[in-house]
């Protein structure tokens, strides 16, 4: 019995050595580079969103989140309510997570137990994904205007302010 076990082990080792390495489907890198907005770029988008809403006569909060969903820039105008901070963050996070404007998600999750009931997600207009060179790099969320449409108009103005820079990026 021992001889048979040894013979089996030697045979398996021989097969492994002579068969060569099993080709991997795709080599995975040791580190992954995640593109992020610079602070100045994110700040420019947020400030433009604030300025646009001021021209509309409203004071809002703006949050820019990075690719990980972490706040990078948070601005709240003087008279914007403190609640707008959490809502602007959640709009930016939702736009990032679904890679779509939050205005397009308002009717998507309406059942009682849908993903829309997950804390931190907001399905009302005012959040937009931020893309550069075809990759999502963050999200912008605006809250505080009397309607989501105005929030989204201000978010879009912020995004438009940095769009040329985003289109010129090589990744």
N, C-alpha and C. Protein backbone atom coordinates (compact mmCIF):
# COMPACT_ATOMS: atom_id res chain seq x y z
N UNK A 1 0.82 -1.18 0.00
CA UNK A 1 0.00 0.00 0.00
C UNK A 1 0.87 1.26 0.00
N UNK A 2 1.95 1.23 0.80
CA UNK A 2 2.86 2.39 0.84
C UNK A 2 3.49 2.64 -0.52
N UNK A 3 3.90 1.55 -1.16
CA UNK A 3 4.52 1.68 -2.48
C UNK A 3 3.56 2.32 -3.45
N UNK A 4 2.34 1.91 -3.37
CA UNK A 4 1.33 2.45 -4.28
C UNK A 4 1.11 3.95 -4.03
N UNK A 5 1.07 4.37 -2.79
CA UNK A 5 0.91 5.80 -2.44
C UNK A 5 2.08 6.61 -2.94
N UNK A 6 3.29 6.08 -2.74
CA UNK A 6 4.49 6.79 -3.20
C UNK A 6 4.47 6.92 -4.73
N UNK A 7 4.11 5.84 -5.38
CA UNK A 7 4.06 5.85 -6.84
C UNK A 7 3.04 6.88 -7.33
N UNK A 8 1.93 6.97 -6.65
CA UNK A 8 0.88 7.93 -7.00
C UNK A 8 1.39 9.36 -6.82
N UNK A 9 2.06 9.63 -5.72
CA UNK A 9 2.59 10.96 -5.45
C UNK A 9 3.66 11.34 -6.47
N UNK A 10 4.56 10.41 -6.76
CA UNK A 10 5.62 10.67 -7.73
C UNK A 10 4.99 10.93 -9.11
N UNK A 11 3.97 10.18 -9.46
CA UNK A 11 3.30 10.37 -10.75
C UNK A 11 2.65 11.74 -10.83
N UNK A 12 1.98 12.14 -9.77
CA UNK A 12 1.35 13.46 -9.75
C UNK A 12 2.38 14.58 -9.85
N UNK A 13 3.48 14.44 -9.11
CA UNK A 13 4.54 15.46 -9.19
C UNK A 13 5.12 15.53 -10.60
N UNK A 14 5.32 14.40 -11.21
CA UNK A 14 5.83 14.36 -12.58
C UNK A 14 4.88 15.09 -13.53
N UNK A 15 3.60 14.82 -13.39
CA UNK A 15 2.62 15.48 -14.25
C UNK A 15 2.61 16.99 -14.05
N UNK A 16 2.70 17.41 -12.80
CA UNK A 16 2.72 18.84 -12.52
C UNK A 16 3.94 19.52 -13.10
N UNK A 17 5.10 18.88 -12.98
CA UNK A 17 6.35 19.47 -13.47
C UNK A 17 6.38 19.50 -14.99
N UNK A 18 5.95 18.44 -15.62
CA UNK A 18 6.04 18.39 -17.08
C UNK A 18 4.92 19.13 -17.78
N UNK A 19 3.81 19.34 -17.10
CA UNK A 19 2.67 20.02 -17.73
C UNK A 19 2.93 21.51 -17.91
N UNK A 20 3.79 22.09 -17.12
CA UNK A 20 4.07 23.52 -17.22
C UNK A 20 3.03 24.32 -16.45
N UNK A 21 3.24 25.61 -16.39
CA UNK A 21 2.32 26.45 -15.62
C UNK A 21 0.96 26.57 -16.30
N UNK A 22 -0.06 26.66 -15.49
CA UNK A 22 -1.41 26.87 -16.01
C UNK A 22 -1.53 28.34 -16.36
N UNK A 23 -1.88 28.65 -17.62
CA UNK A 23 -1.96 30.08 -17.99
C UNK A 23 -3.12 30.75 -17.26
N UNK A 24 -2.84 31.90 -16.72
CA UNK A 24 -3.88 32.69 -16.06
C UNK A 24 -4.70 33.38 -17.13
N UNK A 25 -5.98 33.60 -16.83
CA UNK A 25 -6.82 34.30 -17.81
C UNK A 25 -6.26 35.69 -18.07
N UNK A 26 -5.90 36.36 -17.01
CA UNK A 26 -5.33 37.70 -17.14
C UNK A 26 -4.51 37.98 -15.89
N UNK A 27 -3.30 38.45 -16.09
CA UNK A 27 -2.45 38.79 -14.96
C UNK A 27 -3.04 39.97 -14.21
N UNK A 28 -3.13 39.87 -12.91
CA UNK A 28 -3.64 40.95 -12.09
C UNK A 28 -2.46 41.77 -11.57
N UNK A 29 -2.56 43.10 -11.63
CA UNK A 29 -1.48 43.93 -11.12
C UNK A 29 -1.42 43.86 -9.59
N UNK A 30 -0.27 44.19 -9.08
CA UNK A 30 -0.09 44.22 -7.63
C UNK A 30 -0.81 45.43 -7.04
N UNK A 31 -0.72 46.55 -7.71
CA UNK A 31 -1.39 47.77 -7.27
C UNK A 31 -2.35 48.25 -8.36
N UNK A 32 -3.40 48.90 -7.93
CA UNK A 32 -4.37 49.44 -8.87
C UNK A 32 -4.38 50.96 -8.72
N UNK A 33 -4.27 51.66 -9.83
CA UNK A 33 -4.31 53.11 -9.82
C UNK A 33 -5.75 53.55 -10.02
N UNK A 34 -6.23 54.38 -9.10
CA UNK A 34 -7.59 54.89 -9.19
C UNK A 34 -7.51 56.38 -9.47
N UNK A 35 -7.99 56.82 -10.64
CA UNK A 35 -7.93 58.25 -10.94
C UNK A 35 -8.85 59.05 -10.02
N UNK A 36 -8.37 60.20 -9.62
CA UNK A 36 -9.13 61.08 -8.73
C UNK A 36 -9.02 62.51 -9.21
N UNK A 37 -10.03 63.29 -8.88
CA UNK A 37 -9.99 64.72 -9.19
C UNK A 37 -8.97 65.39 -8.27
N UNK A 38 -8.31 66.40 -8.77
CA UNK A 38 -7.46 67.20 -7.90
C UNK A 38 -8.38 68.06 -7.02
N UNK A 39 -7.86 68.54 -5.92
CA UNK A 39 -8.65 69.39 -5.03
C UNK A 39 -9.10 70.65 -5.75
N UNK A 40 -8.22 71.25 -6.53
CA UNK A 40 -8.58 72.48 -7.24
C UNK A 40 -9.70 72.25 -8.26
N UNK A 41 -9.67 71.11 -8.94
CA UNK A 41 -10.71 70.80 -9.92
C UNK A 41 -12.05 70.60 -9.22
N UNK A 42 -12.05 69.82 -8.14
CA UNK A 42 -13.28 69.56 -7.39
C UNK A 42 -13.81 70.86 -6.78
N UNK A 43 -12.94 71.68 -6.27
CA UNK A 43 -13.34 72.96 -5.67
C UNK A 43 -13.95 73.89 -6.72
N UNK A 44 -13.37 73.90 -7.92
CA UNK A 44 -13.90 74.73 -9.00
C UNK A 44 -15.32 74.31 -9.37
N UNK A 45 -15.57 73.01 -9.46
CA UNK A 45 -16.91 72.51 -9.78
C UNK A 45 -17.90 72.89 -8.68
N UNK A 46 -17.51 72.71 -7.43
CA UNK A 46 -18.40 73.01 -6.31
C UNK A 46 -18.71 74.50 -6.24
N UNK A 47 -17.70 75.33 -6.41
CA UNK A 47 -17.91 76.78 -6.33
C UNK A 47 -18.80 77.27 -7.47
N UNK A 48 -18.62 76.71 -8.67
CA UNK A 48 -19.48 77.07 -9.79
C UNK A 48 -20.93 76.68 -9.52
N UNK A 49 -21.14 75.52 -8.92
CA UNK A 49 -22.50 75.09 -8.58
C UNK A 49 -23.14 76.06 -7.58
N UNK A 50 -22.38 76.47 -6.57
CA UNK A 50 -22.88 77.45 -5.58
C UNK A 50 -23.24 78.76 -6.28
N UNK A 51 -22.33 79.25 -7.12
CA UNK A 51 -22.56 80.53 -7.82
C UNK A 51 -23.78 80.46 -8.73
N UNK A 52 -23.96 79.35 -9.41
CA UNK A 52 -25.12 79.18 -10.30
C UNK A 52 -26.41 79.21 -9.51
N UNK A 53 -26.44 78.54 -8.38
CA UNK A 53 -27.65 78.54 -7.55
C UNK A 53 -27.91 79.93 -6.96
N UNK A 54 -26.86 80.65 -6.62
CA UNK A 54 -27.05 82.03 -6.13
C UNK A 54 -27.74 82.88 -7.18
N UNK A 55 -27.36 82.70 -8.46
CA UNK A 55 -28.01 83.45 -9.54
C UNK A 55 -29.48 83.09 -9.66
N UNK A 56 -29.83 81.88 -9.23
CA UNK A 56 -31.24 81.43 -9.21
C UNK A 56 -31.95 81.93 -7.95
N UNK A 57 -31.20 82.57 -7.06
CA UNK A 57 -31.79 83.09 -5.83
C UNK A 57 -31.91 82.08 -4.70
N UNK A 58 -31.15 80.99 -4.78
CA UNK A 58 -31.21 79.97 -3.73
C UNK A 58 -29.82 79.68 -3.17
N UNK A 59 -29.81 79.26 -1.93
CA UNK A 59 -28.56 78.91 -1.28
C UNK A 59 -28.59 77.41 -1.01
N UNK A 60 -27.51 76.74 -1.37
CA UNK A 60 -27.46 75.28 -1.37
C UNK A 60 -26.18 74.77 -0.74
N UNK A 61 -26.14 73.47 -0.58
CA UNK A 61 -24.91 72.77 -0.23
C UNK A 61 -24.50 71.94 -1.44
N UNK A 62 -23.20 71.80 -1.63
CA UNK A 62 -22.64 71.02 -2.73
C UNK A 62 -21.61 70.06 -2.15
N UNK A 63 -21.67 68.82 -2.57
CA UNK A 63 -20.67 67.84 -2.17
C UNK A 63 -20.10 67.17 -3.42
N UNK A 64 -18.79 67.08 -3.47
CA UNK A 64 -18.10 66.32 -4.50
C UNK A 64 -17.51 65.10 -3.80
N UNK A 65 -17.85 63.89 -4.29
CA UNK A 65 -17.26 62.68 -3.73
C UNK A 65 -16.26 62.10 -4.72
N UNK A 66 -15.24 61.44 -4.19
CA UNK A 66 -14.25 60.79 -5.05
C UNK A 66 -14.76 59.41 -5.48
N UNK A 67 -13.95 58.67 -6.20
CA UNK A 67 -14.36 57.37 -6.74
C UNK A 67 -14.74 56.38 -5.65
N UNK A 68 -14.23 56.57 -4.46
CA UNK A 68 -14.58 55.70 -3.34
C UNK A 68 -15.83 56.13 -2.61
N UNK A 69 -16.41 57.25 -3.04
CA UNK A 69 -17.61 57.76 -2.38
C UNK A 69 -17.34 58.64 -1.18
N UNK A 70 -16.08 58.99 -0.98
CA UNK A 70 -15.68 59.82 0.16
C UNK A 70 -15.76 61.30 -0.20
N UNK A 71 -16.29 62.13 0.68
CA UNK A 71 -16.36 63.57 0.37
C UNK A 71 -14.98 64.15 0.12
N UNK A 72 -14.86 64.87 -0.98
CA UNK A 72 -13.60 65.55 -1.29
C UNK A 72 -13.74 67.05 -1.06
N UNK A 73 -14.88 67.60 -1.48
CA UNK A 73 -15.18 69.02 -1.26
C UNK A 73 -16.62 69.10 -0.78
N UNK A 74 -16.83 69.87 0.27
CA UNK A 74 -18.18 70.12 0.77
C UNK A 74 -18.31 71.62 1.02
N UNK A 75 -19.27 72.25 0.34
CA UNK A 75 -19.53 73.67 0.53
C UNK A 75 -21.00 73.86 0.88
N UNK A 76 -21.25 74.71 1.86
CA UNK A 76 -22.63 75.06 2.22
C UNK A 76 -22.71 76.57 2.24
N UNK A 77 -23.61 77.11 1.43
CA UNK A 77 -23.78 78.56 1.40
C UNK A 77 -24.35 79.02 2.74
N UNK A 78 -24.22 80.28 3.03
CA UNK A 78 -24.52 80.84 4.33
C UNK A 78 -25.91 80.48 4.86
N UNK A 79 -26.92 80.58 4.02
CA UNK A 79 -28.29 80.36 4.48
C UNK A 79 -28.85 78.97 4.15
N UNK A 80 -28.04 78.11 3.59
CA UNK A 80 -28.51 76.75 3.31
C UNK A 80 -28.65 76.00 4.63
N UNK A 81 -29.72 75.26 4.75
CA UNK A 81 -29.98 74.52 5.98
C UNK A 81 -28.95 73.40 6.15
N UNK A 82 -28.68 73.03 7.38
CA UNK A 82 -27.67 72.00 7.63
C UNK A 82 -28.06 70.65 7.04
N UNK A 83 -29.35 70.38 6.91
CA UNK A 83 -29.82 69.13 6.31
C UNK A 83 -29.33 68.97 4.88
N UNK A 84 -29.09 70.08 4.20
CA UNK A 84 -28.65 70.02 2.80
C UNK A 84 -27.27 69.37 2.67
N UNK A 85 -26.49 69.38 3.73
CA UNK A 85 -25.16 68.75 3.69
C UNK A 85 -25.28 67.25 3.47
N UNK A 86 -26.11 66.59 4.29
CA UNK A 86 -26.28 65.13 4.15
C UNK A 86 -26.93 64.78 2.83
N UNK A 87 -27.91 65.56 2.42
CA UNK A 87 -28.62 65.24 1.17
C UNK A 87 -27.70 65.42 -0.04
N UNK A 88 -26.91 66.50 -0.05
CA UNK A 88 -26.00 66.70 -1.19
C UNK A 88 -24.98 65.56 -1.26
N UNK A 89 -24.49 65.12 -0.11
CA UNK A 89 -23.55 63.99 -0.10
C UNK A 89 -24.23 62.73 -0.64
N UNK A 90 -25.45 62.45 -0.17
CA UNK A 90 -26.14 61.24 -0.62
C UNK A 90 -26.47 61.29 -2.11
N UNK A 91 -26.79 62.47 -2.63
CA UNK A 91 -27.05 62.59 -4.07
C UNK A 91 -25.77 62.31 -4.86
N UNK A 92 -24.66 62.87 -4.42
CA UNK A 92 -23.38 62.63 -5.11
C UNK A 92 -23.01 61.15 -5.05
N UNK A 93 -23.17 60.54 -3.88
CA UNK A 93 -22.85 59.14 -3.69
C UNK A 93 -23.74 58.24 -4.56
N UNK A 94 -25.02 58.56 -4.64
CA UNK A 94 -25.96 57.78 -5.44
C UNK A 94 -25.61 57.89 -6.93
N UNK A 95 -25.33 59.10 -7.41
CA UNK A 95 -24.96 59.30 -8.81
C UNK A 95 -23.69 58.52 -9.14
N UNK A 96 -22.73 58.54 -8.25
CA UNK A 96 -21.49 57.78 -8.42
C UNK A 96 -21.79 56.29 -8.46
N UNK A 97 -22.56 55.81 -7.49
CA UNK A 97 -22.82 54.37 -7.36
C UNK A 97 -23.55 53.78 -8.55
N UNK A 98 -24.48 54.53 -9.12
CA UNK A 98 -25.26 54.04 -10.25
C UNK A 98 -24.75 54.58 -11.58
N UNK A 99 -23.75 55.46 -11.54
CA UNK A 99 -23.15 56.07 -12.73
C UNK A 99 -24.23 56.65 -13.64
N UNK A 100 -25.15 57.36 -13.02
CA UNK A 100 -26.23 57.99 -13.77
C UNK A 100 -26.77 59.17 -12.97
N UNK A 101 -27.33 60.17 -13.64
CA UNK A 101 -27.94 61.28 -12.90
C UNK A 101 -29.06 60.76 -11.99
N UNK A 102 -29.13 61.31 -10.79
CA UNK A 102 -30.16 60.85 -9.85
C UNK A 102 -31.56 61.16 -10.34
N UNK A 103 -31.72 62.15 -11.20
CA UNK A 103 -33.04 62.45 -11.75
C UNK A 103 -33.59 61.30 -12.59
N UNK A 104 -32.69 60.47 -13.12
CA UNK A 104 -33.13 59.32 -13.92
C UNK A 104 -33.47 58.11 -13.05
N UNK A 105 -33.25 58.23 -11.75
CA UNK A 105 -33.50 57.12 -10.85
C UNK A 105 -34.76 57.30 -10.01
N UNK A 106 -35.45 58.43 -10.16
CA UNK A 106 -36.55 58.76 -9.26
C UNK A 106 -37.67 57.73 -9.26
N UNK A 107 -37.96 57.12 -10.38
CA UNK A 107 -39.04 56.14 -10.45
C UNK A 107 -38.54 54.69 -10.54
N UNK A 108 -37.25 54.50 -10.43
CA UNK A 108 -36.67 53.17 -10.66
C UNK A 108 -36.88 52.20 -9.50
N UNK A 109 -36.81 52.67 -8.28
CA UNK A 109 -36.88 51.80 -7.12
C UNK A 109 -38.08 52.18 -6.26
N UNK A 110 -39.23 51.66 -6.60
CA UNK A 110 -40.45 52.08 -5.91
C UNK A 110 -41.07 50.99 -5.05
N UNK A 111 -40.62 49.75 -5.16
CA UNK A 111 -41.22 48.69 -4.34
C UNK A 111 -40.77 48.86 -2.89
N UNK A 112 -41.57 48.35 -1.94
CA UNK A 112 -41.26 48.56 -0.51
C UNK A 112 -39.90 48.02 -0.07
N UNK A 113 -39.38 46.98 -0.71
CA UNK A 113 -38.13 46.39 -0.26
C UNK A 113 -37.01 46.55 -1.30
N UNK A 114 -37.08 47.57 -2.10
CA UNK A 114 -36.10 47.77 -3.15
C UNK A 114 -34.81 48.37 -2.60
N UNK A 115 -33.81 48.40 -3.47
CA UNK A 115 -32.52 48.98 -3.10
C UNK A 115 -32.66 50.46 -2.71
N UNK A 116 -33.73 51.09 -3.16
CA UNK A 116 -33.97 52.49 -2.82
C UNK A 116 -34.15 52.74 -1.34
N UNK A 117 -34.37 51.69 -0.57
CA UNK A 117 -34.52 51.83 0.88
C UNK A 117 -33.18 51.69 1.61
N UNK A 118 -32.10 51.59 0.87
CA UNK A 118 -30.77 51.47 1.46
C UNK A 118 -30.32 52.83 1.99
N UNK A 119 -29.89 52.90 3.25
CA UNK A 119 -29.42 54.18 3.79
C UNK A 119 -28.28 54.76 2.96
N UNK A 120 -28.31 56.06 2.76
CA UNK A 120 -27.25 56.74 2.02
C UNK A 120 -27.56 56.96 0.55
N UNK A 121 -28.65 56.39 0.06
CA UNK A 121 -29.04 56.59 -1.33
C UNK A 121 -30.22 57.54 -1.40
N UNK A 122 -30.15 58.48 -2.32
CA UNK A 122 -31.23 59.45 -2.53
C UNK A 122 -31.57 59.46 -4.01
N UNK A 123 -32.86 59.25 -4.30
CA UNK A 123 -33.30 59.18 -5.69
C UNK A 123 -34.15 60.40 -6.04
N UNK A 124 -33.52 61.56 -5.96
CA UNK A 124 -34.17 62.79 -6.41
C UNK A 124 -33.13 63.60 -7.18
N UNK A 125 -33.59 64.43 -8.07
CA UNK A 125 -32.69 65.18 -8.95
C UNK A 125 -31.70 66.02 -8.15
N UNK A 126 -30.51 66.15 -8.71
CA UNK A 126 -29.47 66.99 -8.10
C UNK A 126 -28.13 66.31 -7.97
N UNK A 127 -28.03 65.05 -8.37
CA UNK A 127 -26.76 64.34 -8.33
C UNK A 127 -26.33 63.90 -9.71
N UNK A 128 -25.06 64.08 -10.03
CA UNK A 128 -24.52 63.70 -11.34
C UNK A 128 -23.20 62.96 -11.17
N UNK A 129 -22.97 61.93 -11.98
CA UNK A 129 -21.66 61.27 -11.95
C UNK A 129 -20.63 62.17 -12.65
N UNK A 130 -19.39 62.05 -12.25
CA UNK A 130 -18.30 62.78 -12.88
C UNK A 130 -17.43 61.75 -13.60
N UNK A 131 -17.26 61.93 -14.91
CA UNK A 131 -16.46 61.00 -15.70
C UNK A 131 -15.30 61.72 -16.36
N UNK A 132 -14.20 60.98 -16.52
CA UNK A 132 -13.03 61.48 -17.23
C UNK A 132 -12.50 60.34 -18.09
N UNK A 133 -12.31 60.60 -19.35
CA UNK A 133 -11.78 59.61 -20.29
C UNK A 133 -12.55 58.30 -20.23
N UNK A 134 -13.87 58.39 -20.09
CA UNK A 134 -14.70 57.21 -20.09
C UNK A 134 -14.78 56.46 -18.77
N UNK A 135 -14.11 56.94 -17.75
CA UNK A 135 -14.14 56.29 -16.43
C UNK A 135 -14.81 57.20 -15.42
N UNK A 136 -15.57 56.61 -14.53
CA UNK A 136 -16.19 57.41 -13.48
C UNK A 136 -15.14 57.74 -12.42
N UNK A 137 -15.06 59.01 -12.05
CA UNK A 137 -14.06 59.45 -11.08
C UNK A 137 -14.68 60.08 -9.84
N UNK A 138 -16.00 60.26 -9.84
CA UNK A 138 -16.64 60.86 -8.67
C UNK A 138 -18.08 61.20 -8.95
N UNK A 139 -18.62 62.01 -8.06
CA UNK A 139 -20.00 62.46 -8.20
C UNK A 139 -20.15 63.84 -7.60
N UNK A 140 -21.13 64.59 -8.09
CA UNK A 140 -21.44 65.91 -7.54
C UNK A 140 -22.91 65.89 -7.14
N UNK A 141 -23.19 66.41 -5.94
CA UNK A 141 -24.56 66.48 -5.47
C UNK A 141 -24.86 67.87 -4.96
N UNK A 142 -26.05 68.36 -5.27
CA UNK A 142 -26.50 69.69 -4.83
C UNK A 142 -27.85 69.52 -4.13
N UNK A 143 -28.02 70.22 -3.02
CA UNK A 143 -29.29 70.17 -2.30
C UNK A 143 -29.58 71.54 -1.69
N UNK A 144 -30.88 71.88 -1.68
CA UNK A 144 -31.29 73.12 -1.02
C UNK A 144 -32.19 74.00 -1.85
N UNK A 145 -32.23 73.77 -3.16
CA UNK A 145 -33.11 74.55 -4.02
C UNK A 145 -34.55 74.07 -3.82
N UNK A 146 -35.54 74.89 -4.20
CA UNK A 146 -36.93 74.47 -4.03
C UNK A 146 -37.32 73.27 -4.89
N UNK A 147 -36.52 72.95 -5.90
CA UNK A 147 -36.82 71.77 -6.72
C UNK A 147 -35.53 71.06 -7.07
N UNK A 148 -35.67 69.75 -7.31
CA UNK A 148 -34.53 68.96 -7.74
C UNK A 148 -34.00 69.41 -9.09
N UNK A 149 -34.88 69.95 -9.92
CA UNK A 149 -34.44 70.41 -11.24
C UNK A 149 -33.43 71.55 -11.11
N UNK A 150 -33.66 72.45 -10.17
CA UNK A 150 -32.70 73.55 -9.95
C UNK A 150 -31.41 72.99 -9.35
N UNK A 151 -31.54 72.06 -8.40
CA UNK A 151 -30.34 71.41 -7.85
C UNK A 151 -29.51 70.81 -8.97
N UNK A 152 -30.17 70.09 -9.88
CA UNK A 152 -29.44 69.44 -10.96
C UNK A 152 -28.86 70.46 -11.95
N UNK A 153 -29.58 71.56 -12.19
CA UNK A 153 -29.05 72.61 -13.07
C UNK A 153 -27.75 73.16 -12.49
N UNK A 154 -27.71 73.36 -11.18
CA UNK A 154 -26.50 73.88 -10.54
C UNK A 154 -25.37 72.84 -10.56
N UNK A 155 -25.72 71.57 -10.33
CA UNK A 155 -24.72 70.50 -10.40
C UNK A 155 -24.14 70.41 -11.80
N UNK A 156 -25.02 70.53 -12.81
CA UNK A 156 -24.56 70.46 -14.19
C UNK A 156 -23.63 71.63 -14.52
N UNK A 157 -23.93 72.81 -14.00
CA UNK A 157 -23.05 73.96 -14.22
C UNK A 157 -21.68 73.70 -13.61
N UNK A 158 -21.66 73.10 -12.42
CA UNK A 158 -20.38 72.75 -11.80
C UNK A 158 -19.60 71.76 -12.64
N UNK A 159 -20.30 70.78 -13.15
CA UNK A 159 -19.66 69.78 -14.01
C UNK A 159 -19.18 70.40 -15.31
N UNK A 160 -19.99 71.28 -15.88
CA UNK A 160 -19.61 71.96 -17.13
C UNK A 160 -18.34 72.80 -16.94
N UNK A 161 -18.15 73.35 -15.75
CA UNK A 161 -16.99 74.20 -15.48
C UNK A 161 -15.67 73.43 -15.58
N UNK A 162 -15.72 72.12 -15.35
CA UNK A 162 -14.49 71.32 -15.39
C UNK A 162 -14.47 70.33 -16.56
N UNK A 163 -15.52 70.33 -17.37
CA UNK A 163 -15.66 69.32 -18.43
C UNK A 163 -14.51 69.34 -19.43
N UNK A 164 -14.06 70.51 -19.85
CA UNK A 164 -12.95 70.57 -20.81
C UNK A 164 -11.70 69.91 -20.24
N UNK A 165 -11.41 70.18 -18.97
CA UNK A 165 -10.26 69.56 -18.33
C UNK A 165 -10.42 68.03 -18.27
N UNK A 166 -11.63 67.58 -17.95
CA UNK A 166 -11.88 66.15 -17.85
C UNK A 166 -11.73 65.44 -19.19
N UNK A 167 -12.12 66.13 -20.27
CA UNK A 167 -12.03 65.52 -21.59
C UNK A 167 -10.59 65.44 -22.10
N UNK A 168 -9.72 66.27 -21.57
CA UNK A 168 -8.33 66.29 -22.01
C UNK A 168 -7.46 65.29 -21.24
N UNK A 169 -8.01 64.66 -20.23
CA UNK A 169 -7.25 63.73 -19.39
C UNK A 169 -6.94 62.45 -20.16
N UNK A 170 -5.71 61.98 -20.01
CA UNK A 170 -5.32 60.68 -20.57
C UNK A 170 -5.10 59.73 -19.42
N UNK A 171 -5.74 58.58 -19.52
CA UNK A 171 -5.56 57.58 -18.45
C UNK A 171 -4.92 56.34 -19.00
